[in-house]
Amino acid sequence: MASGLLLAPGALSGAELGIGAAAWYAWWDPYWSQVSDTRVLPRIRIGSEFSGGPLLNVSFNETWGLSASYAYGRYEGRATSFLLNPLYYYIEQPVATQREARRHDAGLLISGRPHSRIKLYGGVAYSGYLMSTRASVAVLSYSLRVFHHLAGPVIGVECSIPIVPDLFLYPGVSGVFQFSRFKDESGDRAGAFLNSRFGGTDTTLLYAGLDLALSLAYTIRRIGVTLAIGGRFRCLWITDIEKKGFVADGRHDMLGGINLTAMYTFSLTAPAADREGEREPLQQSR
């Protein structure tokens, strides 16, 4: 998504290759952070964190392109709840819970331009996170680990709006569908039982929603570098659950934040002299 919104329209005919990176400061609200049954599973708020990764963009001509992106982020949350503990004469004991999610996001998109200012794209998006939970009450403790895989199609549209020379505004919207599956990472029977109760290893979820993005990109023609700053908001509703009554029923997954991107673009077909700086300046036709 970030690579598709990053590049300002280029001038070169033929193929171009763009290599870059993106850094995110994002907040994440997964379905399990919305569960508020404090006597069984505490509500764990996830703080805003930095994430980032590489970007790759290939333009075959003025119409067709291919982009790929990857981002990694680590999100943490803590909560304290109370549990009725029969080992202590049925006195409620504080339960300290710590959760860490290591999240991976990747996308592969094919784009086409019916007009120089409009780009249509479609492809596949993947999200996956290893969720580790540790909880302790008095001298007792437990831990669980699950890997949640989500993947599915993406289809969308974006526009390029010129503001001043070499400065463009990129609004975009896409529809996202993701099918998910849990993988037990506990390694023992006790952990597998807790995962199935709280983590969701015995069910599948279907997500559907929208991804909204807005970027402001500036191209430094002399060195072929595009810099951009923007925002993104994604909301996916859980529309279907294999196991009825699971804690994710009626909840959603939201991701939003601010990103900074930089990409260096060069021609794969222009003569060597052009690649060294004698090529024509960028136009607004790509």
Protein backbone atom coordinates (compact mmCIF):
# COMPACT_ATOMS: atom_id res chain seq x y z
CA MET A 1 0.00 0.00 0.00
CA ALA A 2 2.75 2.45 0.94
CA SER A 3 4.71 1.86 -2.28
CA GLY A 4 1.60 2.35 -4.36
CA LEU A 5 0.96 5.74 -2.77
CA LEU A 6 4.56 6.88 -2.76
CA LEU A 7 5.80 7.51 -6.29
CA ALA A 8 5.00 10.76 -8.03
CA PRO A 9 4.14 10.31 -11.74
CA GLY A 10 7.33 9.79 -13.69
CA ALA A 11 8.61 10.98 -17.02
CA LEU A 12 10.52 8.02 -18.31
CA SER A 13 9.14 5.66 -20.89
CA GLY A 14 9.90 2.00 -20.44
CA ALA A 15 10.64 0.16 -17.22
CA GLU A 16 11.67 1.77 -13.94
CA LEU A 17 12.67 0.29 -10.62
CA GLY A 18 12.06 1.94 -7.26
CA ILE A 19 13.74 0.79 -4.03
CA GLY A 20 12.88 2.35 -0.70
CA ALA A 21 11.80 1.99 2.90
CA ALA A 22 8.94 3.05 5.15
CA ALA A 23 8.75 3.83 8.87
CA TRP A 24 5.44 3.77 10.76
CA TYR A 25 4.27 5.13 14.05
CA ALA A 26 1.03 3.23 14.47
CA TRP A 27 -1.59 2.21 16.99
CA TRP A 28 -3.29 -1.16 16.76
CA ASP A 29 -6.61 -2.31 18.22
CA PRO A 30 -7.01 -6.08 17.61
CA TYR A 31 -10.15 -7.92 18.65
CA TRP A 32 -8.50 -9.42 21.74
CA SER A 33 -7.75 -5.94 23.15
CA GLN A 34 -11.52 -5.29 23.23
CA VAL A 35 -12.42 -8.21 25.51
CA SER A 36 -13.39 -6.73 28.88
CA ASP A 37 -14.21 -9.77 31.04
CA THR A 38 -11.75 -8.83 33.78
CA ARG A 39 -12.38 -12.00 35.83
CA VAL A 40 -11.24 -14.35 33.09
CA LEU A 41 -9.42 -12.52 30.32
CA PRO A 42 -8.36 -8.93 31.08
CA ARG A 43 -8.67 -6.15 28.56
CA ILE A 44 -5.16 -5.45 27.35
CA ARG A 45 -4.57 -2.12 25.67
CA ILE A 46 -1.80 -2.03 23.08
CA GLY A 47 0.40 1.05 23.03
CA SER A 48 1.51 2.89 19.88
CA GLU A 49 4.74 1.56 18.45
CA PHE A 50 7.18 2.05 15.57
CA SER A 51 7.38 -0.40 12.70
CA GLY A 52 8.86 -0.41 9.23
CA GLY A 53 10.36 -2.25 6.33
CA PRO A 54 11.40 -2.22 2.67
CA LEU A 55 9.43 -1.16 -0.42
CA LEU A 56 9.84 -2.21 -4.04
CA ASN A 57 8.12 -0.74 -7.08
CA VAL A 58 8.44 -1.76 -10.75
CA SER A 59 6.85 0.31 -13.54
CA PHE A 60 6.76 -1.61 -16.81
CA ASN A 61 5.45 1.38 -18.79
CA GLU A 62 3.17 4.36 -18.26
CA THR A 63 0.21 2.07 -17.53
CA TRP A 64 1.25 -1.08 -15.69
CA GLY A 65 3.17 -1.52 -12.46
CA LEU A 66 3.97 -3.97 -9.69
CA SER A 67 4.68 -3.11 -6.05
CA ALA A 68 5.67 -5.09 -2.97
CA SER A 69 6.01 -4.06 0.66
CA TYR A 70 6.91 -5.57 4.02
CA ALA A 71 6.74 -4.17 7.56
CA TYR A 72 7.59 -5.55 10.98
CA GLY A 73 6.43 -4.18 14.31
CA ARG A 74 6.40 -5.22 17.96
CA TYR A 75 3.41 -4.31 20.12
CA GLU A 76 3.12 -4.73 23.88
CA GLY A 77 0.37 -4.40 26.46
CA ARG A 78 -0.12 -5.02 30.17
CA ALA A 79 -3.16 -5.36 32.41
CA THR A 80 -4.10 -6.24 35.98
CA SER A 81 -7.33 -8.02 36.85
CA PHE A 82 -8.72 -10.04 39.75
CA LEU A 83 -9.46 -13.75 39.93
CA LEU A 84 -11.20 -15.76 42.65
CA ASN A 85 -8.42 -18.03 43.93
CA PRO A 86 -9.55 -21.07 45.98
CA LEU A 87 -5.99 -21.64 47.21
CA TYR A 88 -6.25 -18.44 49.24
CA TYR A 89 -9.58 -18.99 50.97
CA TYR A 90 -11.60 -17.68 48.02
CA ILE A 91 -10.08 -14.24 48.22
CA GLU A 92 -9.74 -12.38 44.97
CA GLN A 93 -6.12 -12.28 43.90
CA PRO A 94 -4.59 -9.76 41.46
CA VAL A 95 -3.65 -11.25 38.10
CA ALA A 96 -0.83 -9.54 36.20
CA THR A 97 -0.98 -10.17 32.45
CA GLN A 98 1.63 -9.19 29.88
CA ARG A 99 1.11 -9.63 26.14
CA GLU A 100 3.50 -9.18 23.24
CA ALA A 101 2.58 -9.38 19.55
CA ARG A 102 5.25 -9.43 16.85
CA ARG A 103 3.43 -8.41 13.72
CA HIS A 104 4.38 -8.94 10.06
CA ASP A 105 2.60 -7.17 7.17
CA ALA A 106 3.27 -7.81 3.48
CA GLY A 107 1.55 -6.93 0.22
CA LEU A 108 1.91 -7.62 -3.48
CA LEU A 109 -0.09 -5.38 -5.83
CA ILE A 110 -0.54 -5.05 -9.60
CA SER A 111 -1.65 -1.62 -10.81
CA GLY A 112 -3.00 -0.12 -14.01
CA ARG A 113 -3.77 3.46 -15.02
CA PRO A 114 -6.95 4.14 -17.03
CA HIS A 115 -5.99 7.83 -16.72
CA SER A 116 -2.77 9.60 -15.84
CA ARG A 117 -4.32 10.80 -12.54
CA ILE A 118 -6.07 7.57 -11.56
CA LYS A 119 -4.57 4.23 -10.61
CA LEU A 120 -6.48 1.00 -10.05
CA TYR A 121 -4.76 -1.81 -8.21
CA GLY A 122 -5.40 -5.28 -6.91
CA GLY A 123 -3.44 -8.02 -5.25
CA VAL A 124 -3.00 -9.88 -2.01
CA ALA A 125 -2.25 -8.69 1.53
CA TYR A 126 -0.87 -10.75 4.41
CA SER A 127 -0.77 -10.02 8.12
CA GLY A 128 0.54 -12.35 10.77
CA TYR A 129 1.48 -11.98 14.39
CA LEU A 130 3.00 -14.19 17.05
CA MET A 131 1.09 -13.42 20.23
CA SER A 132 2.73 -14.36 23.53
CA THR A 133 0.79 -14.01 26.78
CA ARG A 134 2.14 -14.43 30.32
CA ALA A 135 -0.06 -14.18 33.40
CA SER A 136 0.65 -14.72 37.09
CA VAL A 137 -1.48 -14.86 40.23
CA ALA A 138 0.35 -15.22 43.52
CA VAL A 139 2.78 -18.15 43.01
CA LEU A 140 0.89 -19.55 40.01
CA SER A 141 1.57 -18.58 36.41
CA TYR A 142 0.78 -19.65 32.88
CA SER A 143 1.82 -18.72 29.38
CA LEU A 144 0.45 -19.25 25.89
CA ARG A 145 1.63 -18.59 22.33
CA VAL A 146 -0.35 -18.54 19.10
CA PHE A 147 0.47 -17.41 15.58
CA HIS A 148 -2.44 -15.73 13.85
CA HIS A 149 -2.25 -15.81 10.02
CA LEU A 150 -4.44 -13.49 7.91
CA ALA A 151 -4.35 -13.30 4.11
CA GLY A 152 -6.70 -12.29 1.33
CA PRO A 153 -7.41 -10.08 -1.70
CA VAL A 154 -7.17 -6.29 -1.91
CA ILE A 155 -8.73 -4.06 -4.57
CA GLY A 156 -8.64 -0.28 -4.64
CA VAL A 157 -8.17 3.05 -6.36
CA GLU A 158 -5.98 6.09 -5.77
CA CYS A 159 -5.68 9.53 -7.36
CA SER A 160 -2.75 11.88 -7.84
CA ILE A 161 -3.53 15.56 -7.28
CA PRO A 162 -0.80 18.06 -8.23
CA ILE A 163 -0.30 20.92 -5.78
CA VAL A 164 2.87 22.61 -7.03
CA PRO A 165 5.57 21.26 -9.36
CA ASP A 166 6.90 17.94 -8.04
CA LEU A 167 4.49 17.94 -5.07
CA PHE A 168 1.47 15.62 -5.20
CA LEU A 169 -1.36 14.60 -2.90
CA TYR A 170 -2.42 10.93 -3.03
CA PRO A 171 -5.83 9.97 -1.57
CA GLY A 172 -6.76 6.30 -1.85
CA VAL A 173 -9.31 3.75 -0.70
CA SER A 174 -9.35 -0.03 -0.95
CA GLY A 175 -11.49 -2.96 0.06
CA VAL A 176 -9.74 -5.69 2.08
CA PHE A 177 -10.80 -9.28 2.73
CA GLN A 178 -8.73 -11.59 4.92
CA PHE A 179 -9.17 -15.20 5.91
CA SER A 180 -7.44 -16.13 9.16
CA ARG A 181 -6.23 -19.21 10.95
CA PHE A 182 -4.56 -19.75 14.32
CA LYS A 183 -1.52 -21.95 14.84
CA ASP A 184 -0.74 -23.31 18.30
CA GLU A 185 2.81 -22.44 19.38
CA SER A 186 2.54 -23.61 23.01
CA GLY A 187 4.45 -26.89 22.73
CA ASP A 188 2.54 -28.68 25.54
CA ARG A 189 -0.98 -29.84 26.37
CA ALA A 190 -1.61 -27.24 29.07
CA GLY A 191 -0.63 -24.44 26.73
CA ALA A 192 -2.74 -25.94 23.93
CA PHE A 193 -5.79 -25.97 26.22
CA LEU A 194 -5.26 -22.33 27.24
CA ASN A 195 -4.70 -21.35 23.62
CA SER A 196 -7.95 -22.98 22.56
CA ARG A 197 -9.80 -21.17 25.38
CA PHE A 198 -8.25 -17.72 25.08
CA GLY A 199 -6.12 -17.63 21.94
CA GLY A 200 -8.43 -19.16 19.36
CA THR A 201 -6.43 -22.02 17.88
CA ASP A 202 -9.56 -24.06 17.13
CA THR A 203 -11.43 -21.66 14.87
CA THR A 204 -11.18 -19.47 11.77
CA LEU A 205 -12.23 -15.87 11.24
CA LEU A 206 -13.24 -13.88 8.16
CA TYR A 207 -12.34 -10.18 8.08
CA ALA A 208 -13.76 -7.59 5.68
CA GLY A 209 -13.33 -3.83 5.67
CA LEU A 210 -11.77 -0.68 4.24
CA ASP A 211 -8.31 0.81 4.07
CA LEU A 212 -8.09 4.62 3.77
CA ALA A 213 -4.83 6.40 3.01
CA LEU A 214 -3.61 9.91 2.27
CA SER A 215 -0.01 10.81 1.33
CA LEU A 216 1.85 13.96 0.39
CA ALA A 217 4.83 13.16 -1.86
CA TYR A 218 7.66 15.34 -3.13
CA THR A 219 10.10 14.29 -5.87
CA ILE A 220 13.69 15.54 -5.92
CA ARG A 221 14.27 15.21 -9.65
CA ARG A 222 18.02 15.69 -9.63
CA ILE A 223 18.68 12.57 -7.59
CA GLY A 224 15.55 10.57 -8.44
CA VAL A 225 14.32 10.37 -4.83
CA THR A 226 10.73 10.70 -3.67
CA LEU A 227 9.92 11.56 -0.05
CA ALA A 228 6.45 11.22 1.38
CA ILE A 229 4.53 11.64 4.60
CA GLY A 230 1.04 10.33 5.10
CA GLY A 231 -1.55 8.61 7.19
CA ARG A 232 -3.43 5.37 6.96
CA PHE A 233 -6.46 3.91 8.69
CA ARG A 234 -7.69 0.35 8.28
CA CYS A 235 -10.79 -1.12 9.89
CA LEU A 236 -11.67 -4.78 9.41
CA TRP A 237 -14.89 -6.19 10.82
CA ILE A 238 -15.09 -9.83 11.79
CA THR A 239 -17.97 -10.97 9.62
CA ASP A 240 -17.91 -14.74 10.14
CA ILE A 241 -16.56 -17.11 12.79
CA GLU A 242 -16.37 -20.87 12.45
CA LYS A 243 -16.82 -21.38 16.19
CA LYS A 244 -19.92 -19.62 17.49
CA GLY A 245 -19.56 -17.88 20.83
CA PHE A 246 -15.85 -17.23 20.38
CA VAL A 247 -14.60 -14.03 22.07
CA ALA A 248 -14.01 -12.30 18.71
CA ASP A 249 -17.72 -12.37 17.83
CA GLY A 250 -18.96 -8.86 16.98
CA ARG A 251 -15.53 -7.25 17.23
CA HIS A 252 -13.09 -5.67 14.80
CA ASP A 253 -9.42 -5.06 14.04
CA MET A 254 -8.21 -1.48 13.52
CA LEU A 255 -4.79 -0.18 12.52
CA GLY A 256 -3.86 3.45 12.01
CA GLY A 257 -0.89 5.75 12.07
CA ILE A 258 1.55 8.09 10.37
CA ASN A 259 4.22 6.92 7.97
CA LEU A 260 7.37 8.35 6.42
CA THR A 261 8.68 6.87 3.18
CA ALA A 262 11.63 7.38 0.89
CA MET A 263 12.26 5.77 -2.49
CA TYR A 264 15.00 5.97 -5.08
CA THR A 265 13.80 5.38 -8.66
CA PHE A 266 15.92 4.73 -11.73
CA SER A 267 15.31 3.65 -15.30
CA LEU A 268 15.96 0.09 -16.39
CA THR A 269 15.89 1.00 -20.07
CA ALA A 270 17.42 4.49 -20.38
CA PRO A 271 21.00 4.91 -21.63
CA ALA A 272 23.77 5.11 -19.06
CA ALA A 273 24.16 8.88 -19.57
CA ASP A 274 20.51 9.38 -18.69
CA ARG A 275 20.84 7.30 -15.54
CA GLU A 276 23.73 9.49 -14.45
CA GLY A 277 21.59 12.62 -14.45
CA GLU A 278 21.12 13.66 -18.09
CA ARG A 279 17.66 12.14 -18.46
CA GLU A 280 14.57 14.21 -18.99
CA PRO A 281 12.86 15.56 -15.87
CA LEU A 282 9.92 13.75 -14.32
CA GLN A 283 6.53 14.43 -15.88
CA GLN A 284 3.02 13.84 -14.68
CA SER A 285 2.03 11.02 -17.02
CA ARG A 286 2.99 7.83 -15.18
